[in-house]
N, C-alpha and C. Protein backbone atom coordinates (compact mmCIF):
# COMPACT_ATOMS: atom_id res chain seq x y z
N MET A 1 25.23 20.87 -10.74
CA MET A 1 25.30 20.09 -9.50
C MET A 1 26.60 19.87 -8.91
N LEU A 2 27.58 19.58 -9.83
CA LEU A 2 28.91 19.37 -9.41
C LEU A 2 29.53 20.57 -8.69
N TRP A 3 29.25 21.75 -9.26
CA TRP A 3 29.74 22.86 -8.66
C TRP A 3 29.39 23.14 -7.18
N LEU A 4 28.03 22.73 -6.81
CA LEU A 4 27.60 22.74 -5.42
C LEU A 4 28.48 21.75 -4.64
N CYS A 5 28.77 20.68 -5.11
CA CYS A 5 29.54 19.76 -4.27
C CYS A 5 30.92 20.41 -4.07
N VAL A 6 31.57 21.09 -5.02
CA VAL A 6 32.80 21.73 -4.92
C VAL A 6 32.84 22.82 -3.94
N ILE A 7 31.74 23.72 -4.10
CA ILE A 7 31.68 24.87 -3.24
C ILE A 7 31.41 24.45 -1.71
N TYR A 8 30.45 23.47 -1.53
CA TYR A 8 30.08 23.13 -0.24
C TYR A 8 30.69 21.78 0.21
N TYR A 9 31.86 21.51 -0.21
CA TYR A 9 32.59 20.23 0.09
C TYR A 9 32.59 19.83 1.57
N THR A 10 32.56 20.79 2.41
CA THR A 10 32.57 20.46 3.83
C THR A 10 31.28 19.88 4.37
N TRP A 11 30.20 20.27 3.65
CA TRP A 11 28.91 19.77 4.08
C TRP A 11 28.37 18.53 3.40
N MET A 12 29.08 18.18 2.22
CA MET A 12 28.62 17.12 1.51
C MET A 12 28.57 15.75 2.33
N PRO A 13 29.54 15.42 3.08
CA PRO A 13 29.45 14.15 3.85
C PRO A 13 28.24 14.13 4.82
N ALA A 14 27.87 15.26 5.36
CA ALA A 14 26.76 15.38 6.24
C ALA A 14 25.52 15.16 5.59
N VAL A 15 25.39 15.69 4.32
CA VAL A 15 24.26 15.64 3.47
C VAL A 15 23.98 14.16 3.00
N VAL A 16 25.07 13.54 2.55
CA VAL A 16 24.98 12.11 2.24
C VAL A 16 24.62 11.27 3.50
N PHE A 17 25.19 11.54 4.51
CA PHE A 17 24.86 10.77 5.84
C PHE A 17 23.32 10.97 6.11
N VAL A 18 22.84 12.21 6.18
CA VAL A 18 21.40 12.44 6.52
C VAL A 18 20.61 11.83 5.51
N SER A 19 20.89 11.83 4.29
CA SER A 19 19.95 11.24 3.22
C SER A 19 20.00 9.69 3.46
N TYR A 20 21.12 9.06 3.69
CA TYR A 20 21.17 7.61 3.93
C TYR A 20 20.37 7.33 5.27
N LEU A 21 20.49 8.12 6.24
CA LEU A 21 19.74 7.88 7.47
C LEU A 21 18.29 7.97 7.25
N LEU A 22 17.89 8.98 6.55
CA LEU A 22 16.35 9.20 6.22
C LEU A 22 15.80 8.01 5.40
N TYR A 23 16.64 7.51 4.49
CA TYR A 23 16.19 6.33 3.74
C TYR A 23 16.08 5.15 4.64
N GLY A 24 17.04 5.01 5.52
CA GLY A 24 17.01 3.92 6.54
C GLY A 24 15.75 3.86 7.40
N PHE A 25 15.27 5.17 7.86
CA PHE A 25 14.03 5.18 8.41
C PHE A 25 12.73 4.88 7.73
N LEU A 26 12.84 5.36 6.49
CA LEU A 26 11.66 5.27 5.61
C LEU A 26 11.58 3.95 4.88
N ARG A 27 12.61 3.20 4.86
CA ARG A 27 12.64 1.87 4.09
C ARG A 27 11.65 0.95 4.48
N PRO A 28 11.38 0.70 5.73
CA PRO A 28 10.40 -0.29 6.08
C PRO A 28 9.00 0.12 5.65
N PHE A 29 8.67 1.40 5.40
CA PHE A 29 7.28 1.78 4.92
C PHE A 29 7.16 1.86 3.50
N ILE A 30 8.25 1.57 2.73
CA ILE A 30 8.30 1.65 1.34
C ILE A 30 7.96 0.21 0.73
N SER A 31 7.04 0.13 -0.21
CA SER A 31 6.72 -1.25 -0.69
C SER A 31 7.86 -1.95 -1.29
N ARG A 32 7.87 -3.23 -1.22
CA ARG A 32 8.87 -4.12 -1.66
C ARG A 32 9.24 -3.80 -3.12
N ALA A 33 8.30 -3.62 -4.04
CA ALA A 33 8.60 -3.33 -5.41
C ALA A 33 9.30 -2.00 -5.57
N TRP A 34 8.89 -1.05 -4.81
CA TRP A 34 9.55 0.24 -4.93
C TRP A 34 10.91 0.26 -4.31
N ARG A 35 11.08 -0.54 -3.28
CA ARG A 35 12.52 -0.73 -2.62
C ARG A 35 13.35 -1.39 -3.62
N ARG A 36 12.90 -2.47 -4.42
CA ARG A 36 13.71 -3.14 -5.37
C ARG A 36 14.15 -2.10 -6.52
N GLU A 37 13.20 -1.31 -6.99
CA GLU A 37 13.40 -0.31 -7.95
C GLU A 37 14.50 0.80 -7.52
N ILE A 38 14.41 1.17 -6.25
CA ILE A 38 15.40 2.12 -5.78
C ILE A 38 16.76 1.56 -5.60
N GLU A 39 16.78 0.27 -5.14
CA GLU A 39 18.11 -0.39 -4.83
C GLU A 39 18.79 -0.98 -6.07
N GLU A 40 18.10 -1.15 -7.04
CA GLU A 40 18.67 -1.75 -8.28
C GLU A 40 19.57 -0.82 -9.08
N GLU A 41 20.64 -1.20 -9.64
CA GLU A 41 21.39 -0.20 -10.42
C GLU A 41 20.89 -0.23 -11.89
N ASP A 42 20.46 -1.39 -12.34
CA ASP A 42 20.00 -1.47 -13.64
C ASP A 42 18.49 -1.71 -13.72
N GLU A 43 17.79 -0.96 -14.57
CA GLU A 43 16.32 -1.13 -14.50
C GLU A 43 15.86 -2.47 -15.05
N GLU A 44 16.70 -3.10 -15.85
CA GLU A 44 16.27 -4.43 -16.43
C GLU A 44 16.38 -5.46 -15.33
N GLU A 45 17.35 -5.36 -14.40
CA GLU A 45 17.50 -6.25 -13.27
C GLU A 45 16.29 -6.05 -12.34
N ALA A 46 15.75 -4.93 -12.20
CA ALA A 46 14.60 -4.78 -11.27
C ALA A 46 13.42 -5.62 -11.69
N HIS A 47 13.23 -5.87 -13.09
CA HIS A 47 12.10 -6.55 -13.58
C HIS A 47 12.46 -8.02 -13.82
N GLU A 48 13.54 -8.52 -13.39
CA GLU A 48 13.95 -9.95 -13.49
C GLU A 48 13.09 -10.77 -12.68
N GLN A 49 12.70 -11.97 -13.21
CA GLN A 49 11.78 -12.88 -12.49
C GLN A 49 12.66 -13.68 -11.51
N PRO A 50 12.02 -14.11 -10.35
CA PRO A 50 12.82 -14.89 -9.48
C PRO A 50 13.20 -16.26 -10.00
N SER A 51 14.30 -16.79 -9.50
CA SER A 51 14.76 -18.14 -10.12
C SER A 51 13.78 -19.16 -9.53
N SER A 52 13.78 -20.33 -10.24
CA SER A 52 12.90 -21.36 -9.80
C SER A 52 13.22 -21.91 -8.60
N THR A 53 14.50 -22.06 -8.26
CA THR A 53 14.78 -22.68 -6.94
C THR A 53 14.44 -21.69 -5.79
N ALA A 54 14.58 -20.40 -6.01
CA ALA A 54 14.30 -19.46 -4.97
C ALA A 54 12.74 -19.36 -4.83
N SER A 55 11.92 -19.39 -5.87
CA SER A 55 10.53 -19.29 -5.69
C SER A 55 9.98 -20.69 -5.10
N ALA A 56 10.54 -21.72 -5.36
CA ALA A 56 10.06 -22.92 -4.71
C ALA A 56 10.20 -22.85 -3.25
N ARG A 57 11.26 -22.13 -2.66
CA ARG A 57 11.47 -21.96 -1.28
C ARG A 57 10.68 -20.82 -0.74
N GLY A 58 10.01 -20.02 -1.65
CA GLY A 58 9.33 -18.86 -1.23
C GLY A 58 10.02 -17.52 -1.17
N CYS A 59 11.27 -17.51 -1.78
CA CYS A 59 12.07 -16.33 -1.74
C CYS A 59 12.00 -15.61 -3.03
N LEU A 60 12.42 -14.33 -2.99
CA LEU A 60 12.57 -13.58 -4.27
C LEU A 60 14.02 -13.37 -4.34
N THR A 61 14.54 -13.35 -5.67
CA THR A 61 15.99 -13.14 -5.86
C THR A 61 16.23 -11.74 -6.26
N CYS A 62 17.18 -11.17 -5.69
CA CYS A 62 17.64 -9.81 -6.13
C CYS A 62 19.10 -9.99 -6.51
N PRO A 63 19.43 -9.64 -7.76
CA PRO A 63 20.90 -9.88 -8.12
C PRO A 63 21.86 -9.17 -7.24
N ARG A 64 21.54 -8.06 -6.63
CA ARG A 64 22.57 -7.25 -5.81
C ARG A 64 22.54 -7.84 -4.44
N ARG A 65 21.39 -8.29 -3.85
CA ARG A 65 21.34 -8.60 -2.33
C ARG A 65 21.15 -10.15 -2.17
N GLY A 66 21.03 -10.86 -3.28
CA GLY A 66 20.78 -12.37 -3.12
C GLY A 66 19.30 -12.67 -2.84
N ILE A 67 19.17 -13.62 -1.90
CA ILE A 67 17.77 -14.05 -1.61
C ILE A 67 17.11 -13.18 -0.61
N ILE A 68 15.92 -12.89 -0.89
CA ILE A 68 15.13 -11.94 -0.01
C ILE A 68 13.92 -12.91 0.46
N PRO A 69 13.76 -13.04 1.78
CA PRO A 69 12.62 -13.81 2.27
C PRO A 69 11.31 -13.13 1.99
N VAL A 70 10.29 -13.97 1.75
CA VAL A 70 8.89 -13.39 1.53
C VAL A 70 8.31 -13.12 2.91
N HIS A 71 7.73 -11.96 3.12
CA HIS A 71 7.08 -11.56 4.40
C HIS A 71 5.63 -12.01 4.43
N LEU A 72 5.28 -12.82 5.36
CA LEU A 72 3.91 -13.33 5.64
C LEU A 72 3.26 -12.65 6.76
N LEU A 73 2.03 -12.27 6.66
CA LEU A 73 1.30 -11.68 7.76
C LEU A 73 0.03 -12.51 7.89
N PHE A 74 -0.26 -13.07 9.11
CA PHE A 74 -1.42 -13.82 9.43
C PHE A 74 -2.25 -13.02 10.28
N ILE A 75 -3.56 -12.94 9.94
CA ILE A 75 -4.55 -12.10 10.69
C ILE A 75 -5.71 -12.94 11.15
N CYS A 76 -6.05 -12.81 12.43
CA CYS A 76 -7.34 -13.34 12.91
C CYS A 76 -7.94 -12.25 13.88
N SER A 77 -8.81 -12.64 14.69
CA SER A 77 -9.55 -11.63 15.50
C SER A 77 -8.72 -11.07 16.69
N ARG A 78 -8.29 -11.91 17.58
CA ARG A 78 -7.57 -11.54 18.70
C ARG A 78 -6.08 -11.84 18.78
N ASN A 79 -5.54 -12.47 17.65
CA ASN A 79 -4.12 -12.65 17.62
C ASN A 79 -3.64 -13.53 18.83
N LYS A 80 -4.47 -14.61 19.10
CA LYS A 80 -4.17 -15.46 20.25
C LYS A 80 -3.99 -16.90 19.90
N TRP A 81 -4.80 -17.36 18.91
CA TRP A 81 -4.77 -18.74 18.58
C TRP A 81 -4.30 -19.07 17.12
N ARG A 82 -5.25 -18.72 16.24
CA ARG A 82 -5.00 -19.09 14.77
C ARG A 82 -3.79 -18.40 14.07
N SER A 83 -3.86 -17.02 14.17
CA SER A 83 -2.63 -16.31 13.50
C SER A 83 -1.30 -16.60 14.20
N ARG A 84 -1.34 -16.70 15.53
CA ARG A 84 -0.13 -16.96 16.28
C ARG A 84 0.38 -18.30 15.99
N THR A 85 -0.49 -19.37 15.86
CA THR A 85 -0.18 -20.69 15.42
C THR A 85 0.51 -20.67 14.13
N ALA A 86 -0.10 -19.96 13.12
CA ALA A 86 0.45 -19.76 11.78
C ALA A 86 1.89 -19.21 11.80
N GLU A 87 1.99 -18.12 12.61
CA GLU A 87 3.25 -17.43 12.71
C GLU A 87 4.36 -18.53 13.32
N GLU A 88 3.94 -19.27 14.35
CA GLU A 88 4.80 -20.21 14.86
C GLU A 88 5.25 -21.34 13.85
N VAL A 89 4.36 -21.78 13.02
CA VAL A 89 4.61 -22.78 12.04
C VAL A 89 5.70 -22.25 11.15
N TYR A 90 5.63 -20.93 10.71
CA TYR A 90 6.64 -20.37 9.76
C TYR A 90 7.77 -19.63 10.46
N ARG A 91 7.98 -19.87 11.80
CA ARG A 91 8.95 -19.00 12.56
C ARG A 91 10.39 -19.25 11.95
N ASN A 92 10.86 -20.42 11.86
CA ASN A 92 12.22 -20.64 11.30
C ASN A 92 12.21 -21.39 9.98
N PHE A 93 11.09 -21.23 9.16
CA PHE A 93 11.11 -21.93 7.95
C PHE A 93 11.91 -21.12 6.88
N PRO A 94 12.83 -21.77 6.17
CA PRO A 94 13.66 -20.89 5.31
C PRO A 94 12.82 -20.24 4.10
N GLY A 95 13.14 -19.12 3.86
CA GLY A 95 12.51 -18.39 2.76
C GLY A 95 11.33 -17.40 3.11
N TYR A 96 10.96 -17.58 4.50
CA TYR A 96 9.73 -16.74 4.86
C TYR A 96 10.11 -16.09 6.25
N VAL A 97 9.51 -14.95 6.38
CA VAL A 97 9.47 -14.19 7.76
C VAL A 97 8.00 -14.04 7.95
N ALA A 98 7.62 -14.50 9.12
CA ALA A 98 6.20 -14.41 9.55
C ALA A 98 5.89 -13.56 10.71
N LYS A 99 4.78 -12.85 10.61
CA LYS A 99 4.28 -11.99 11.81
C LYS A 99 2.74 -12.35 11.78
N SER A 100 2.17 -11.96 12.97
CA SER A 100 0.66 -12.13 13.10
C SER A 100 0.12 -10.91 13.72
N ALA A 101 -1.25 -10.76 13.62
CA ALA A 101 -1.86 -9.60 14.18
C ALA A 101 -3.33 -9.93 14.31
N GLY A 102 -4.06 -9.16 15.01
CA GLY A 102 -5.53 -9.28 15.23
C GLY A 102 -6.29 -8.07 14.87
N THR A 103 -7.61 -8.23 14.58
CA THR A 103 -8.41 -7.00 14.24
C THR A 103 -9.10 -6.40 15.37
N GLU A 104 -9.31 -7.08 16.38
CA GLU A 104 -10.17 -6.56 17.43
C GLU A 104 -9.43 -5.70 18.44
N PRO A 105 -10.03 -4.80 19.19
CA PRO A 105 -9.32 -3.80 19.97
C PRO A 105 -8.42 -4.59 21.12
N GLY A 106 -8.95 -5.71 21.61
CA GLY A 106 -8.18 -6.47 22.68
C GLY A 106 -7.13 -7.38 22.11
N ALA A 107 -6.80 -7.32 20.89
CA ALA A 107 -5.90 -8.28 20.25
C ALA A 107 -4.45 -8.09 20.90
N ARG A 108 -3.75 -9.19 20.98
CA ARG A 108 -2.43 -9.22 21.44
C ARG A 108 -1.53 -8.19 20.65
N GLN A 109 -1.61 -8.17 19.34
CA GLN A 109 -0.99 -7.24 18.39
C GLN A 109 -2.06 -6.86 17.39
N ARG A 110 -2.31 -5.51 17.30
CA ARG A 110 -3.30 -4.99 16.40
C ARG A 110 -2.78 -4.88 15.00
N VAL A 111 -3.50 -5.07 14.00
CA VAL A 111 -3.13 -4.82 12.69
C VAL A 111 -2.83 -3.34 12.47
N THR A 112 -1.77 -2.98 11.75
CA THR A 112 -1.42 -1.59 11.58
C THR A 112 -1.09 -1.43 10.04
N GLU A 113 -1.01 -0.18 9.67
CA GLU A 113 -0.71 0.18 8.30
C GLU A 113 0.75 -0.31 7.99
N GLY A 114 1.68 -0.07 8.99
CA GLY A 114 3.04 -0.52 8.92
C GLY A 114 3.26 -1.98 8.61
N LEU A 115 2.37 -2.84 9.36
CA LEU A 115 2.38 -4.31 9.20
C LEU A 115 1.97 -4.72 7.76
N LEU A 116 0.92 -4.03 7.36
CA LEU A 116 0.43 -4.30 6.11
C LEU A 116 1.43 -3.94 4.98
N GLY A 117 2.12 -2.76 5.18
CA GLY A 117 3.06 -2.36 4.23
C GLY A 117 4.29 -3.33 4.22
N TRP A 118 4.54 -3.89 5.45
CA TRP A 118 5.78 -4.85 5.46
C TRP A 118 5.53 -6.13 4.76
N ALA A 119 4.23 -6.61 4.74
CA ALA A 119 3.82 -7.90 4.30
C ALA A 119 3.83 -8.05 2.75
N ASP A 120 4.33 -9.16 2.21
CA ASP A 120 4.21 -9.46 0.91
C ASP A 120 2.92 -10.28 0.58
N LEU A 121 2.56 -11.19 1.36
CA LEU A 121 1.34 -11.89 1.33
C LEU A 121 0.60 -11.79 2.75
N ILE A 122 -0.71 -11.60 2.68
CA ILE A 122 -1.52 -11.44 3.83
C ILE A 122 -2.63 -12.57 3.89
N PHE A 123 -2.59 -13.32 4.96
CA PHE A 123 -3.52 -14.40 5.14
C PHE A 123 -4.46 -14.01 6.23
N VAL A 124 -5.81 -13.99 5.94
CA VAL A 124 -6.75 -13.73 6.92
C VAL A 124 -7.57 -14.96 7.20
N MET A 125 -7.95 -15.17 8.43
CA MET A 125 -8.55 -16.43 8.82
C MET A 125 -10.03 -16.61 8.45
N GLU A 126 -10.74 -15.39 8.32
CA GLU A 126 -12.13 -15.44 7.95
C GLU A 126 -12.36 -14.20 7.02
N ALA A 127 -13.52 -14.40 6.24
CA ALA A 127 -13.95 -13.22 5.39
C ALA A 127 -14.04 -11.85 5.98
N LYS A 128 -14.57 -11.96 7.32
CA LYS A 128 -14.78 -10.68 8.18
C LYS A 128 -13.49 -9.89 8.31
N HIS A 129 -12.34 -10.73 8.43
CA HIS A 129 -10.99 -9.98 8.55
C HIS A 129 -10.72 -9.32 7.30
N ARG A 130 -10.93 -9.97 6.21
CA ARG A 130 -10.66 -9.31 4.90
C ARG A 130 -11.51 -8.09 4.74
N ASP A 131 -12.72 -8.17 5.10
CA ASP A 131 -13.59 -7.01 5.02
C ASP A 131 -13.16 -5.89 5.88
N TYR A 132 -12.68 -6.25 7.12
CA TYR A 132 -12.18 -5.20 8.01
C TYR A 132 -10.90 -4.57 7.29
N LEU A 133 -10.05 -5.24 6.75
CA LEU A 133 -8.82 -4.67 6.09
C LEU A 133 -9.34 -3.70 4.99
N ARG A 134 -10.30 -4.20 4.15
CA ARG A 134 -10.72 -3.32 3.03
C ARG A 134 -11.43 -2.01 3.52
N GLU A 135 -12.11 -2.11 4.59
CA GLU A 135 -12.74 -0.97 5.13
C GLU A 135 -11.73 0.04 5.85
N ARG A 136 -10.84 -0.63 6.64
CA ARG A 136 -10.05 0.27 7.58
C ARG A 136 -8.72 0.60 6.85
N PHE A 137 -8.16 -0.16 5.94
CA PHE A 137 -6.87 0.02 5.42
C PHE A 137 -6.94 -0.17 3.87
N PRO A 138 -7.71 0.55 3.18
CA PRO A 138 -7.83 0.22 1.66
C PRO A 138 -6.49 0.59 1.01
N GLU A 139 -5.70 1.68 1.45
CA GLU A 139 -4.40 1.90 0.87
C GLU A 139 -3.35 0.87 1.21
N GLY A 140 -3.41 0.41 2.51
CA GLY A 140 -2.49 -0.63 3.01
C GLY A 140 -2.52 -1.96 2.18
N ILE A 141 -3.72 -2.33 1.77
CA ILE A 141 -3.73 -3.58 1.06
C ILE A 141 -3.75 -3.41 -0.47
N ALA A 142 -3.84 -2.17 -0.93
CA ALA A 142 -3.86 -2.05 -2.40
C ALA A 142 -2.68 -2.63 -3.03
N GLY A 143 -2.90 -3.49 -4.02
CA GLY A 143 -1.84 -4.20 -4.75
C GLY A 143 -1.25 -5.35 -4.03
N LYS A 144 -1.79 -5.75 -2.78
CA LYS A 144 -1.40 -6.92 -2.10
C LYS A 144 -2.36 -8.07 -2.32
N ARG A 145 -1.69 -9.23 -2.12
CA ARG A 145 -2.56 -10.49 -2.17
C ARG A 145 -3.13 -10.73 -0.87
N VAL A 146 -4.37 -10.67 -0.65
CA VAL A 146 -5.09 -11.08 0.63
C VAL A 146 -5.78 -12.33 0.49
N ILE A 147 -5.29 -13.39 1.10
CA ILE A 147 -5.79 -14.70 0.90
C ILE A 147 -6.62 -15.15 2.11
N CYS A 148 -7.74 -15.73 1.88
CA CYS A 148 -8.70 -16.09 3.08
C CYS A 148 -8.86 -17.66 3.01
N PRO A 149 -8.13 -18.28 3.69
CA PRO A 149 -8.20 -19.88 3.76
C PRO A 149 -9.41 -20.25 4.53
N ALA A 150 -10.13 -19.38 5.27
CA ALA A 150 -11.32 -19.67 5.99
C ALA A 150 -11.04 -20.76 7.22
N HIS A 151 -10.44 -20.40 8.12
CA HIS A 151 -10.18 -21.27 9.25
C HIS A 151 -11.08 -20.90 10.50
N PRO A 152 -12.01 -21.68 10.87
CA PRO A 152 -12.89 -21.39 11.93
C PRO A 152 -12.16 -21.19 13.28
N ASP A 153 -12.77 -20.42 14.18
CA ASP A 153 -12.22 -20.04 15.45
C ASP A 153 -12.50 -21.17 16.48
N ASP A 154 -12.18 -22.45 16.20
CA ASP A 154 -12.55 -23.60 17.00
C ASP A 154 -11.33 -24.21 17.61
N TYR A 155 -10.17 -23.60 17.59
CA TYR A 155 -8.88 -24.36 17.98
C TYR A 155 -8.12 -23.48 18.96
N ALA A 156 -7.36 -24.29 19.73
CA ALA A 156 -6.38 -23.58 20.67
C ALA A 156 -5.10 -23.21 20.06
N PHE A 157 -4.28 -22.45 20.67
CA PHE A 157 -2.97 -22.24 20.24
C PHE A 157 -2.14 -23.46 20.03
N ASN A 158 -1.46 -23.66 18.91
CA ASN A 158 -0.70 -24.78 18.35
C ASN A 158 -1.43 -26.05 18.56
N ASP A 159 -2.69 -26.04 18.35
CA ASP A 159 -3.51 -27.34 18.27
C ASP A 159 -3.06 -28.13 16.99
N PRO A 160 -2.61 -29.32 17.17
CA PRO A 160 -2.23 -30.17 16.04
C PRO A 160 -3.25 -30.21 14.81
N GLU A 161 -4.48 -30.24 15.09
CA GLU A 161 -5.49 -30.11 14.06
C GLU A 161 -5.44 -28.79 13.34
N LEU A 162 -5.28 -27.74 14.13
CA LEU A 162 -5.23 -26.46 13.40
C LEU A 162 -3.88 -26.33 12.58
N ILE A 163 -2.81 -26.95 13.10
CA ILE A 163 -1.59 -26.88 12.17
C ILE A 163 -1.69 -27.63 10.98
N ASP A 164 -2.45 -28.90 11.05
CA ASP A 164 -2.72 -29.64 9.85
C ASP A 164 -3.62 -28.92 8.89
N LEU A 165 -4.67 -28.25 9.37
CA LEU A 165 -5.49 -27.43 8.66
C LEU A 165 -4.81 -26.32 7.85
N LEU A 166 -3.94 -25.60 8.62
CA LEU A 166 -3.15 -24.56 8.09
C LEU A 166 -2.29 -24.93 6.98
N LYS A 167 -1.65 -26.05 7.26
CA LYS A 167 -0.65 -26.60 6.24
C LYS A 167 -1.45 -27.01 4.95
N ALA A 168 -2.63 -27.61 5.07
CA ALA A 168 -3.45 -28.02 3.93
C ALA A 168 -3.91 -26.81 3.10
N ASN A 169 -4.36 -25.80 3.82
CA ASN A 169 -4.87 -24.63 3.20
C ASN A 169 -4.02 -23.63 2.61
N LEU A 170 -2.73 -23.64 3.24
CA LEU A 170 -1.76 -22.70 2.73
C LEU A 170 -0.85 -23.27 1.62
N SER A 171 -0.80 -24.63 1.51
CA SER A 171 0.08 -25.24 0.42
C SER A 171 -0.19 -24.79 -0.96
N PRO A 172 -1.50 -24.51 -1.28
CA PRO A 172 -1.61 -23.96 -2.72
C PRO A 172 -0.98 -22.61 -2.90
N HIS A 173 -0.66 -21.83 -1.89
CA HIS A 173 -0.14 -20.48 -2.04
C HIS A 173 1.33 -20.40 -1.77
N ILE A 174 1.71 -21.11 -0.72
CA ILE A 174 3.25 -21.12 -0.34
C ILE A 174 3.71 -22.40 0.09
N ALA A 175 4.98 -22.52 0.09
CA ALA A 175 5.72 -23.78 0.59
C ALA A 175 5.26 -24.00 2.03
N VAL A 176 5.14 -25.28 2.51
CA VAL A 176 4.60 -25.57 3.80
C VAL A 176 5.70 -26.42 4.42
N PRO A 177 5.98 -26.09 5.77
CA PRO A 177 7.03 -26.92 6.59
C PRO A 177 6.56 -28.31 6.75
N GLU A 178 7.43 -29.18 6.84
CA GLU A 178 7.03 -30.58 6.97
C GLU A 178 6.43 -30.89 8.35
């Protein structure tokens, strides 16, 4: 391998650059566990547990990159009220990055394989949304935690009652903003 580098030394910077560029494009679609395995220098560090302070905030710790926020995906039918409200609740909450999506064709943002791959935790507002994900994206949710807190579609966007209900039902799974 070394002799290839010596013979083709003029092409090596381009090969390294293109490899790095390809990894940059593919990185969002690679699972978080696989990313950690690729990016860690030592295999023992890749299997290290998160620190207690980081996990209390909802973060994962990576010895090389520090604190990594947990990616939350909230899913409802039209992505107009419930899931958008949950996304707003977690918008600037430390330790988390939140996105929302809908399952219906007229949804503001439709659920995609890419969004499911991005998410560490997936919250669906009703059992029918979980069934939709299982039917439509079985590979996308394989190995993912899909949690169904069962929030009815009876609330408007940012309704205080909905926010209280979200906080109460999400608190067993993740830290909740004040």
